[in-house]
N, C-alpha and C. Protein backbone atom coordinates (compact mmCIF):
# COMPACT_ATOMS: atom_id res chain seq x y z
N MET A 1 2.61 -28.46 4.46
CA MET A 1 1.52 -28.67 4.82
C MET A 1 0.75 -27.64 5.38
N LYS A 2 -0.57 -27.71 5.04
CA LYS A 2 -1.39 -26.44 5.31
C LYS A 2 -2.68 -26.86 6.18
N VAL A 3 -2.69 -26.05 7.43
CA VAL A 3 -3.64 -26.40 8.23
C VAL A 3 -4.64 -25.26 8.67
N LEU A 4 -5.93 -25.52 8.70
CA LEU A 4 -6.93 -24.75 9.24
C LEU A 4 -7.26 -24.84 10.50
N GLY A 5 -6.86 -23.93 11.54
CA GLY A 5 -7.08 -23.98 12.86
C GLY A 5 -8.49 -23.15 13.26
N ILE A 6 -9.08 -23.92 14.01
CA ILE A 6 -10.34 -23.22 14.79
C ILE A 6 -10.45 -23.16 16.04
N ASP A 7 -10.97 -21.94 16.65
CA ASP A 7 -11.14 -21.69 17.96
C ASP A 7 -12.77 -21.52 18.20
N PRO A 8 -13.47 -22.70 18.53
CA PRO A 8 -14.90 -22.66 18.42
C PRO A 8 -15.44 -21.98 19.42
N GLY A 9 -16.75 -21.23 19.28
CA GLY A 9 -17.44 -20.28 20.01
C GLY A 9 -18.66 -20.10 19.23
N THR A 10 -19.92 -19.87 20.07
CA THR A 10 -21.09 -19.78 19.50
C THR A 10 -21.48 -18.22 19.05
N VAL A 11 -20.57 -17.29 19.54
CA VAL A 11 -20.92 -16.11 19.26
C VAL A 11 -19.66 -15.53 18.21
N SER A 12 -18.58 -15.99 18.52
CA SER A 12 -17.28 -15.68 17.66
C SER A 12 -16.59 -16.99 17.39
N MET A 13 -16.24 -17.33 16.24
CA MET A 13 -15.34 -18.47 16.07
C MET A 13 -14.17 -18.24 15.36
N GLY A 14 -13.06 -18.45 15.96
CA GLY A 14 -12.05 -17.85 15.41
C GLY A 14 -11.34 -18.95 14.29
N TYR A 15 -10.89 -18.41 13.22
CA TYR A 15 -10.02 -19.31 12.23
C TYR A 15 -8.59 -18.98 11.91
N GLY A 16 -7.80 -19.73 11.38
CA GLY A 16 -6.40 -19.26 10.86
C GLY A 16 -6.01 -20.34 9.96
N VAL A 17 -5.18 -19.95 9.06
CA VAL A 17 -4.60 -21.03 7.91
C VAL A 17 -3.12 -20.79 7.95
N VAL A 18 -2.53 -21.76 8.40
CA VAL A 18 -1.12 -21.75 8.59
C VAL A 18 -0.44 -22.76 7.55
N VAL A 19 0.82 -22.22 6.99
CA VAL A 19 1.35 -23.36 6.24
C VAL A 19 2.88 -23.61 6.70
N ALA A 20 3.22 -24.82 6.83
CA ALA A 20 4.68 -25.22 6.99
C ALA A 20 5.23 -25.55 5.65
N ASP A 21 6.48 -24.92 5.43
CA ASP A 21 7.21 -25.25 4.15
C ASP A 21 8.03 -26.55 4.24
N GLU A 22 8.83 -26.84 3.51
CA GLU A 22 9.74 -28.20 3.71
C GLU A 22 10.66 -27.97 4.61
N ASN A 23 10.94 -26.69 5.14
CA ASN A 23 12.07 -26.47 6.11
C ASN A 23 11.40 -26.31 7.44
N ASP A 24 9.98 -26.59 7.59
CA ASP A 24 9.18 -26.28 8.84
C ASP A 24 9.07 -24.97 9.19
N ASP A 25 9.30 -23.96 8.27
CA ASP A 25 8.94 -22.43 8.47
C ASP A 25 7.53 -22.32 8.43
N LEU A 26 7.00 -21.56 9.46
CA LEU A 26 5.58 -21.31 9.30
C LEU A 26 5.27 -19.79 8.67
N SER A 27 4.16 -19.88 8.12
CA SER A 27 3.59 -18.46 7.64
C SER A 27 1.96 -18.55 7.63
N MET A 28 1.51 -17.64 8.05
CA MET A 28 0.07 -17.41 7.85
C MET A 28 -0.68 -17.04 6.49
N LEU A 29 -1.59 -17.83 6.10
CA LEU A 29 -2.15 -17.44 4.93
C LEU A 29 -3.41 -16.53 5.27
N ALA A 30 -4.14 -16.78 6.28
CA ALA A 30 -5.29 -16.02 6.51
C ALA A 30 -5.75 -16.33 8.19
N CYS A 31 -6.52 -15.21 8.73
CA CYS A 31 -7.18 -15.32 10.06
C CYS A 31 -8.21 -14.55 10.10
N GLY A 32 -9.04 -14.70 11.10
CA GLY A 32 -10.07 -13.88 11.56
C GLY A 32 -11.42 -14.47 12.32
N ALA A 33 -12.28 -13.88 12.30
CA ALA A 33 -13.33 -14.30 13.34
C ALA A 33 -14.84 -14.31 12.48
N LEU A 34 -15.49 -15.37 12.59
CA LEU A 34 -16.86 -15.61 12.21
C LEU A 34 -17.81 -15.04 13.48
N ARG A 35 -18.59 -14.02 13.37
CA ARG A 35 -19.36 -13.53 14.49
C ARG A 35 -20.80 -13.65 14.11
N ARG A 36 -21.47 -13.82 15.09
CA ARG A 36 -23.08 -13.78 15.12
C ARG A 36 -23.40 -13.20 16.41
N SER A 37 -24.46 -12.51 16.58
CA SER A 37 -25.04 -12.02 17.67
C SER A 37 -25.62 -13.29 18.47
N GLY A 38 -25.25 -13.14 19.85
CA GLY A 38 -25.60 -14.05 21.00
C GLY A 38 -27.09 -14.05 21.13
N SER A 39 -27.78 -13.03 20.62
CA SER A 39 -29.37 -13.06 20.81
C SER A 39 -29.99 -13.87 19.69
N SER A 40 -29.24 -14.21 18.57
CA SER A 40 -29.94 -14.92 17.58
C SER A 40 -30.02 -16.44 17.88
N PRO A 41 -31.12 -17.22 17.45
CA PRO A 41 -31.11 -18.56 17.76
C PRO A 41 -29.84 -19.51 17.44
N ILE A 42 -29.72 -20.39 18.27
CA ILE A 42 -28.55 -21.07 18.27
C ILE A 42 -28.29 -22.00 16.77
N GLY A 43 -29.28 -22.22 16.44
CA GLY A 43 -29.46 -22.99 15.21
C GLY A 43 -29.01 -22.29 13.99
N GLU A 44 -29.39 -20.93 14.07
CA GLU A 44 -29.03 -20.26 12.98
C GLU A 44 -27.59 -19.71 12.94
N ARG A 45 -26.96 -19.57 14.35
CA ARG A 45 -25.51 -19.24 14.53
C ARG A 45 -24.66 -20.74 13.94
N LEU A 46 -25.00 -21.85 14.34
CA LEU A 46 -24.50 -22.94 13.92
C LEU A 46 -24.33 -23.23 12.47
N ASN A 47 -25.45 -23.03 11.89
CA ASN A 47 -25.83 -22.95 10.63
C ASN A 47 -24.79 -22.05 9.68
N TYR A 48 -24.65 -20.83 10.05
CA TYR A 48 -23.76 -19.85 9.59
C TYR A 48 -22.17 -20.21 9.74
N TYR A 49 -22.06 -20.52 10.79
CA TYR A 49 -20.64 -21.00 11.02
C TYR A 49 -20.11 -22.38 10.02
N TYR A 50 -21.18 -23.32 10.26
CA TYR A 50 -20.76 -24.49 9.20
C TYR A 50 -20.72 -23.99 7.72
N HIS A 51 -21.46 -23.23 7.09
CA HIS A 51 -21.33 -22.86 5.83
C HIS A 51 -20.26 -22.03 5.57
N GLU A 52 -19.93 -21.08 6.47
CA GLU A 52 -18.71 -20.11 6.32
C GLU A 52 -17.44 -21.05 6.57
N LEU A 53 -17.40 -21.91 7.34
CA LEU A 53 -15.95 -22.97 7.37
C LEU A 53 -15.83 -23.85 6.12
N ILE A 54 -17.23 -24.01 5.50
CA ILE A 54 -17.23 -24.91 4.14
C ILE A 54 -16.45 -23.92 3.12
N LYS A 55 -16.91 -22.61 3.07
CA LYS A 55 -16.23 -21.57 2.30
C LYS A 55 -14.76 -21.47 2.36
N ILE A 56 -14.27 -21.34 3.72
CA ILE A 56 -12.72 -21.19 4.17
C ILE A 56 -12.05 -22.38 3.70
N VAL A 57 -12.71 -23.52 3.77
CA VAL A 57 -12.06 -24.80 3.33
C VAL A 57 -11.70 -24.79 1.83
N SER A 58 -12.94 -24.70 1.18
CA SER A 58 -13.00 -24.34 -0.28
C SER A 58 -11.94 -23.42 -0.81
N HIS A 59 -11.75 -22.38 -0.15
CA HIS A 59 -11.03 -21.36 -0.62
C HIS A 59 -9.45 -21.60 -0.42
N TYR A 60 -9.28 -21.89 0.74
CA TYR A 60 -7.79 -22.14 1.21
C TYR A 60 -7.16 -23.67 0.97
N LYS A 61 -8.18 -24.66 0.93
CA LYS A 61 -7.81 -25.94 0.71
C LYS A 61 -6.82 -26.53 1.49
N PRO A 62 -7.01 -26.47 2.94
CA PRO A 62 -6.08 -27.07 3.70
C PRO A 62 -6.11 -28.47 3.75
N GLU A 63 -5.07 -29.14 4.31
CA GLU A 63 -4.90 -30.60 4.22
C GLU A 63 -5.39 -31.25 5.58
N ALA A 64 -5.76 -30.43 6.58
CA ALA A 64 -6.28 -30.78 7.86
C ALA A 64 -6.71 -29.78 8.77
N VAL A 65 -7.83 -30.20 9.62
CA VAL A 65 -8.25 -28.86 10.52
C VAL A 65 -7.81 -29.48 11.88
N ALA A 66 -7.55 -28.42 12.54
CA ALA A 66 -7.13 -28.66 14.04
C ALA A 66 -8.11 -27.67 15.00
N ILE A 67 -8.79 -28.35 15.72
CA ILE A 67 -9.72 -27.77 16.66
C ILE A 67 -9.59 -27.55 18.02
N GLU A 68 -9.78 -26.56 18.62
CA GLU A 68 -9.56 -26.37 20.18
C GLU A 68 -10.80 -27.29 20.77
N ARG A 69 -10.37 -27.97 21.60
CA ARG A 69 -11.38 -28.83 22.46
C ARG A 69 -11.74 -27.95 23.59
N PRO A 70 -12.98 -28.02 23.86
CA PRO A 70 -13.57 -27.27 24.92
C PRO A 70 -13.16 -27.75 26.33
N PHE A 71 -12.69 -26.96 27.15
CA PHE A 71 -12.33 -27.24 28.49
C PHE A 71 -13.42 -27.26 29.46
N LEU A 72 -13.48 -27.94 30.42
CA LEU A 72 -14.52 -27.98 31.56
C LEU A 72 -14.35 -26.85 32.32
N ALA A 73 -15.51 -26.03 32.31
CA ALA A 73 -15.50 -24.97 33.21
C ALA A 73 -16.34 -25.01 34.25
N LYS A 74 -16.41 -24.20 34.99
CA LYS A 74 -17.56 -24.07 36.23
C LYS A 74 -18.82 -23.83 35.61
N ASN A 75 -18.78 -23.23 34.36
CA ASN A 75 -20.34 -22.77 33.62
C ASN A 75 -20.38 -24.08 32.64
N VAL A 76 -21.21 -25.09 33.06
CA VAL A 76 -21.70 -26.13 32.20
C VAL A 76 -22.20 -25.59 31.02
N ARG A 77 -23.05 -24.74 31.04
CA ARG A 77 -23.85 -24.05 29.83
C ARG A 77 -22.83 -23.70 28.81
N SER A 78 -21.90 -22.91 29.25
CA SER A 78 -20.95 -22.45 28.33
C SER A 78 -19.99 -23.71 27.49
N ALA A 79 -19.70 -24.49 28.33
CA ALA A 79 -18.98 -25.79 27.85
C ALA A 79 -19.72 -26.43 26.87
N LEU A 80 -21.18 -26.58 27.25
CA LEU A 80 -21.91 -27.44 26.36
C LEU A 80 -22.28 -26.62 24.74
N ALA A 81 -22.42 -25.16 25.03
CA ALA A 81 -22.44 -24.53 23.78
C ALA A 81 -21.19 -24.41 23.05
N ILE A 82 -20.07 -24.41 23.71
CA ILE A 82 -18.70 -24.53 22.95
C ILE A 82 -18.59 -25.84 22.14
N GLY A 83 -19.06 -27.05 22.91
CA GLY A 83 -19.01 -28.16 22.25
C GLY A 83 -19.97 -28.35 21.07
N ARG A 84 -21.15 -27.54 21.21
CA ARG A 84 -21.90 -27.47 19.73
C ARG A 84 -20.92 -26.89 18.57
N ALA A 85 -20.28 -25.82 18.86
CA ALA A 85 -19.53 -25.10 17.99
C ALA A 85 -18.49 -26.10 17.31
N GLN A 86 -17.91 -26.75 18.31
CA GLN A 86 -16.95 -27.77 17.94
C GLN A 86 -17.23 -28.79 17.05
N ALA A 87 -18.58 -29.24 17.46
CA ALA A 87 -19.17 -30.47 16.49
C ALA A 87 -19.35 -29.70 15.12
N VAL A 88 -19.80 -28.47 15.15
CA VAL A 88 -19.89 -27.96 13.78
C VAL A 88 -18.66 -27.90 12.98
N ALA A 89 -17.51 -27.78 13.61
CA ALA A 89 -16.26 -27.47 12.92
C ALA A 89 -15.88 -28.89 12.60
N ILE A 90 -16.06 -29.99 13.37
CA ILE A 90 -15.49 -31.37 13.08
C ILE A 90 -16.66 -31.70 12.01
N LEU A 91 -17.77 -31.31 11.64
CA LEU A 91 -18.64 -31.93 10.63
C LEU A 91 -18.19 -31.08 9.28
N ALA A 92 -17.80 -29.84 9.30
CA ALA A 92 -17.28 -29.17 8.45
C ALA A 92 -16.06 -29.82 7.76
N ALA A 93 -15.24 -30.21 8.53
CA ALA A 93 -14.06 -30.91 8.18
C ALA A 93 -14.37 -32.18 7.41
N ALA A 94 -15.28 -32.77 8.19
CA ALA A 94 -15.65 -34.34 7.69
C ALA A 94 -16.31 -34.01 6.23
N GLY A 95 -17.21 -33.25 6.09
CA GLY A 95 -17.99 -32.88 5.10
C GLY A 95 -16.99 -32.56 3.86
N SER A 96 -15.81 -31.86 4.17
CA SER A 96 -14.93 -31.57 3.23
C SER A 96 -13.99 -32.63 2.96
N GLY A 97 -14.10 -33.89 3.48
CA GLY A 97 -13.18 -34.81 3.23
C GLY A 97 -11.89 -34.76 3.82
N LEU A 98 -11.68 -33.98 5.11
CA LEU A 98 -10.54 -33.48 5.80
C LEU A 98 -10.36 -34.05 7.01
N PRO A 99 -9.44 -34.75 7.53
CA PRO A 99 -9.00 -35.14 8.92
C PRO A 99 -9.24 -34.02 9.90
N SER A 100 -9.70 -34.22 10.84
CA SER A 100 -9.90 -33.20 11.99
C SER A 100 -9.03 -33.81 13.33
N TYR A 101 -8.44 -32.51 13.99
CA TYR A 101 -7.63 -33.10 15.10
C TYR A 101 -8.11 -32.18 16.28
N GLU A 102 -8.16 -32.71 17.67
CA GLU A 102 -8.76 -31.83 18.55
C GLU A 102 -7.34 -31.89 19.62
N TYR A 103 -7.17 -30.70 19.99
CA TYR A 103 -6.23 -30.20 21.15
C TYR A 103 -6.76 -29.40 22.18
N THR A 104 -6.39 -29.77 23.50
CA THR A 104 -6.90 -29.04 24.53
C THR A 104 -6.18 -27.68 24.66
N PRO A 105 -6.75 -26.73 25.39
CA PRO A 105 -5.96 -25.61 25.55
C PRO A 105 -4.62 -25.65 26.22
N ALA A 106 -4.48 -26.57 27.35
CA ALA A 106 -3.18 -26.79 27.74
C ALA A 106 -2.15 -27.56 26.66
N GLN A 107 -2.60 -28.29 25.83
CA GLN A 107 -1.74 -28.78 24.89
C GLN A 107 -1.28 -27.81 23.86
N ILE A 108 -2.09 -26.68 23.44
CA ILE A 108 -1.70 -25.74 22.49
C ILE A 108 -1.00 -24.87 23.19
N LYS A 109 -1.08 -24.46 24.41
CA LYS A 109 -0.26 -23.58 25.33
C LYS A 109 1.22 -24.20 25.31
N GLN A 110 1.40 -25.20 25.73
CA GLN A 110 2.65 -26.11 25.90
C GLN A 110 3.37 -26.19 24.59
N THR A 111 2.70 -26.38 23.58
CA THR A 111 3.34 -26.54 22.11
C THR A 111 3.86 -25.22 21.58
N VAL A 112 2.91 -24.22 21.79
CA VAL A 112 3.26 -22.93 20.99
C VAL A 112 4.04 -22.16 22.17
N THR A 113 3.98 -22.17 23.39
CA THR A 113 4.62 -21.30 24.33
C THR A 113 5.66 -21.94 25.19
N ASN A 114 5.63 -23.39 25.22
CA ASN A 114 6.51 -24.29 26.10
C ASN A 114 5.82 -24.04 27.64
N TYR A 115 4.75 -23.44 27.97
CA TYR A 115 4.31 -23.30 29.17
C TYR A 115 2.96 -23.50 29.20
N GLY A 116 2.39 -24.79 29.75
CA GLY A 116 1.00 -25.02 29.70
C GLY A 116 -0.11 -24.05 30.40
N ALA A 117 0.39 -23.13 31.13
CA ALA A 117 -0.52 -22.14 31.78
C ALA A 117 -0.24 -20.74 31.03
N SER A 118 0.15 -20.58 29.85
CA SER A 118 0.22 -19.20 29.38
C SER A 118 -0.86 -18.52 29.30
N SER A 119 -0.80 -17.21 29.46
CA SER A 119 -1.84 -16.31 29.33
C SER A 119 -2.33 -16.08 27.80
N LYS A 120 -3.36 -15.58 27.57
CA LYS A 120 -3.78 -15.50 26.08
C LYS A 120 -2.77 -14.32 25.39
N ASP A 121 -2.37 -13.38 26.29
CA ASP A 121 -1.46 -12.43 25.73
C ASP A 121 -0.12 -12.96 25.24
N GLN A 122 0.24 -14.06 26.06
CA GLN A 122 1.55 -14.79 25.92
C GLN A 122 1.48 -15.64 24.54
N ILE A 123 0.34 -16.32 24.43
CA ILE A 123 0.10 -16.95 23.13
C ILE A 123 0.06 -16.20 22.18
N ALA A 124 -0.81 -15.09 22.07
CA ALA A 124 -0.76 -14.15 21.09
C ALA A 124 0.57 -13.76 20.50
N GLU A 125 1.47 -13.41 21.51
CA GLU A 125 2.74 -12.89 21.17
C GLU A 125 3.64 -13.93 20.61
N MET A 126 3.56 -15.14 20.88
CA MET A 126 4.30 -16.33 20.36
C MET A 126 3.71 -16.62 19.02
N VAL A 127 2.55 -16.59 18.77
CA VAL A 127 1.81 -16.66 17.47
C VAL A 127 2.47 -15.64 16.49
N LYS A 128 2.73 -14.33 17.03
CA LYS A 128 3.22 -13.31 16.14
C LYS A 128 4.56 -13.56 15.76
N LEU A 129 5.51 -14.10 16.70
CA LEU A 129 6.77 -14.30 16.72
C LEU A 129 7.03 -15.46 15.61
N GLN A 130 6.18 -16.62 15.98
CA GLN A 130 6.55 -17.92 15.00
C GLN A 130 6.10 -17.69 13.66
N LEU A 131 5.03 -16.73 13.43
CA LEU A 131 4.68 -16.57 12.17
C LEU A 131 5.26 -15.45 11.35
N GLY A 132 6.31 -14.82 12.11
CA GLY A 132 6.97 -13.66 11.58
C GLY A 132 5.89 -12.48 11.23
N LEU A 133 4.95 -12.11 12.12
CA LEU A 133 4.32 -11.22 11.99
C LEU A 133 4.51 -9.63 12.63
N GLU A 134 4.17 -8.84 11.97
CA GLU A 134 4.54 -7.54 12.82
C GLU A 134 3.55 -7.24 14.01
N VAL A 135 2.29 -7.47 13.71
CA VAL A 135 1.44 -7.42 14.93
C VAL A 135 0.77 -8.39 15.32
N VAL A 136 0.32 -8.59 16.68
CA VAL A 136 -0.32 -9.65 17.03
C VAL A 136 -1.62 -9.67 16.31
N PRO A 137 -1.95 -11.07 15.94
CA PRO A 137 -3.28 -10.97 14.90
C PRO A 137 -4.54 -10.85 16.10
N GLN A 138 -5.31 -10.38 15.17
CA GLN A 138 -6.62 -9.79 15.91
C GLN A 138 -7.76 -10.28 15.17
N PRO A 139 -8.95 -10.51 15.84
CA PRO A 139 -9.26 -10.67 17.21
C PRO A 139 -8.54 -11.82 17.95
N SER A 140 -8.66 -11.88 19.21
CA SER A 140 -8.02 -12.91 20.07
C SER A 140 -8.60 -14.23 19.63
N ASP A 141 -9.59 -14.23 19.13
CA ASP A 141 -10.20 -15.73 18.71
C ASP A 141 -9.17 -16.20 17.45
N ALA A 142 -8.96 -15.19 16.71
CA ALA A 142 -8.05 -15.66 15.74
C ALA A 142 -6.59 -16.03 15.98
N ALA A 143 -6.08 -15.24 16.87
CA ALA A 143 -4.99 -15.74 17.59
C ALA A 143 -5.01 -17.07 17.90
N ASP A 144 -5.98 -17.43 18.75
CA ASP A 144 -6.11 -18.73 19.27
C ASP A 144 -6.08 -19.74 18.31
N ALA A 145 -6.94 -19.44 17.21
CA ALA A 145 -7.06 -20.47 16.09
C ALA A 145 -5.57 -20.79 15.30
N LEU A 146 -5.03 -19.55 15.17
CA LEU A 146 -3.73 -19.75 14.59
C LEU A 146 -2.57 -20.69 15.64
N ALA A 147 -2.90 -20.47 17.02
CA ALA A 147 -2.01 -21.22 17.92
C ALA A 147 -2.48 -22.64 17.75
N CYS A 148 -3.84 -22.95 17.40
CA CYS A 148 -4.25 -24.38 17.41
C CYS A 148 -3.56 -25.01 15.97
N ALA A 149 -3.70 -24.14 14.98
CA ALA A 149 -2.97 -24.72 13.71
C ALA A 149 -1.62 -25.04 13.92
N ILE A 150 -0.67 -23.83 14.67
CA ILE A 150 0.80 -24.19 14.85
C ILE A 150 0.97 -25.42 15.68
N CYS A 151 0.21 -25.59 16.75
CA CYS A 151 0.10 -26.90 17.41
C CYS A 151 0.17 -27.84 16.64
N HIS A 152 -0.89 -28.19 15.71
CA HIS A 152 -1.03 -29.49 15.05
C HIS A 152 0.18 -29.51 14.11
N LEU A 153 0.86 -28.52 13.45
CA LEU A 153 1.90 -28.56 12.60
C LEU A 153 3.17 -29.04 13.29
N ARG A 154 3.23 -28.50 14.60
CA ARG A 154 4.43 -29.20 15.51
C ARG A 154 4.17 -30.31 15.86
N MET A 155 3.12 -30.73 16.22
CA MET A 155 2.64 -32.15 16.74
C MET A 155 3.03 -33.13 15.72
N MET A 156 2.65 -32.74 14.35
CA MET A 156 2.87 -33.76 13.07
C MET A 156 4.41 -33.80 12.77
N ARG A 157 4.97 -32.65 13.14
CA ARG A 157 6.50 -32.87 12.73
C ARG A 157 7.24 -33.69 13.81
N LEU A 158 6.86 -33.63 15.00
CA LEU A 158 7.25 -34.32 16.25
C LEU A 158 6.98 -35.83 15.90
N GLY A 159 5.74 -36.15 15.42
CA GLY A 159 5.24 -37.54 15.13
C GLY A 159 6.08 -38.00 14.04
N GLY A 160 6.58 -37.10 13.00
CA GLY A 160 7.25 -37.62 11.92
C GLY A 160 8.90 -37.82 12.54
N ILE A 161 9.20 -37.12 13.25
CA ILE A 161 10.55 -37.18 13.82
C ILE A 161 10.74 -38.57 14.66
N ILE A 162 9.67 -38.83 15.61
CA ILE A 162 9.60 -40.05 16.16
C ILE A 162 9.51 -41.24 15.38
N ALA A 163 8.74 -41.19 14.18
CA ALA A 163 8.52 -42.31 13.58
C ALA A 163 9.89 -42.46 12.61
N SER A 164 10.60 -41.66 12.21
CA SER A 164 11.93 -41.75 11.68
C SER A 164 12.88 -42.60 12.54
N ALA A 165 12.95 -42.15 13.77
CA ALA A 165 13.94 -42.68 15.00
C ALA A 165 13.55 -44.19 14.91
N ARG A 166 12.25 -44.49 14.91
CA ARG A 166 11.94 -45.86 15.21
C ARG A 166 12.20 -46.69 14.10
N GLU A 167 12.20 -46.12 12.80
CA GLU A 167 12.63 -47.01 11.59
C GLU A 167 14.17 -47.08 11.47
N GLU A 168 14.95 -46.04 11.95
CA GLU A 168 16.31 -46.26 12.13
C GLU A 168 16.92 -47.32 13.10
N SER A 169 16.14 -47.45 14.20
CA SER A 169 16.61 -48.32 15.17
C SER A 169 15.94 -49.79 15.02
């Protein structure tokens, strides 16, 4: 299964494409960050992100899109802005006929590192290890997007195991 992970943001939006083979071994196809100046109008930035995500989906042809859900922070303005970027990612997935799945930062941390309060450095290091990379993916938004894709693949695998167990019983 091939998954596009997205770390939404209005200045930088991370993306990463991860593939799980039949043995559930993971590999990275691509990662990066889409960037726009924070001084440009929000509509222009969101439009740019939407069209770039459509290009990424068209090029890599993922089967699903995993998106980090914004957390509620003390800064409500930031949370709302990230929510807008998240909506653009959901729209790009839906417009491409792909299912989208949302995961909280704690879910991603727990799934990728086995610790729900992991630091960004710990997550990036585990992404590097799980994907067999020589260096930590850069920028950090790309590493976060890869972690989101890994989370989705692990959750789908777990769901498959649970479904098989139910069928057997």
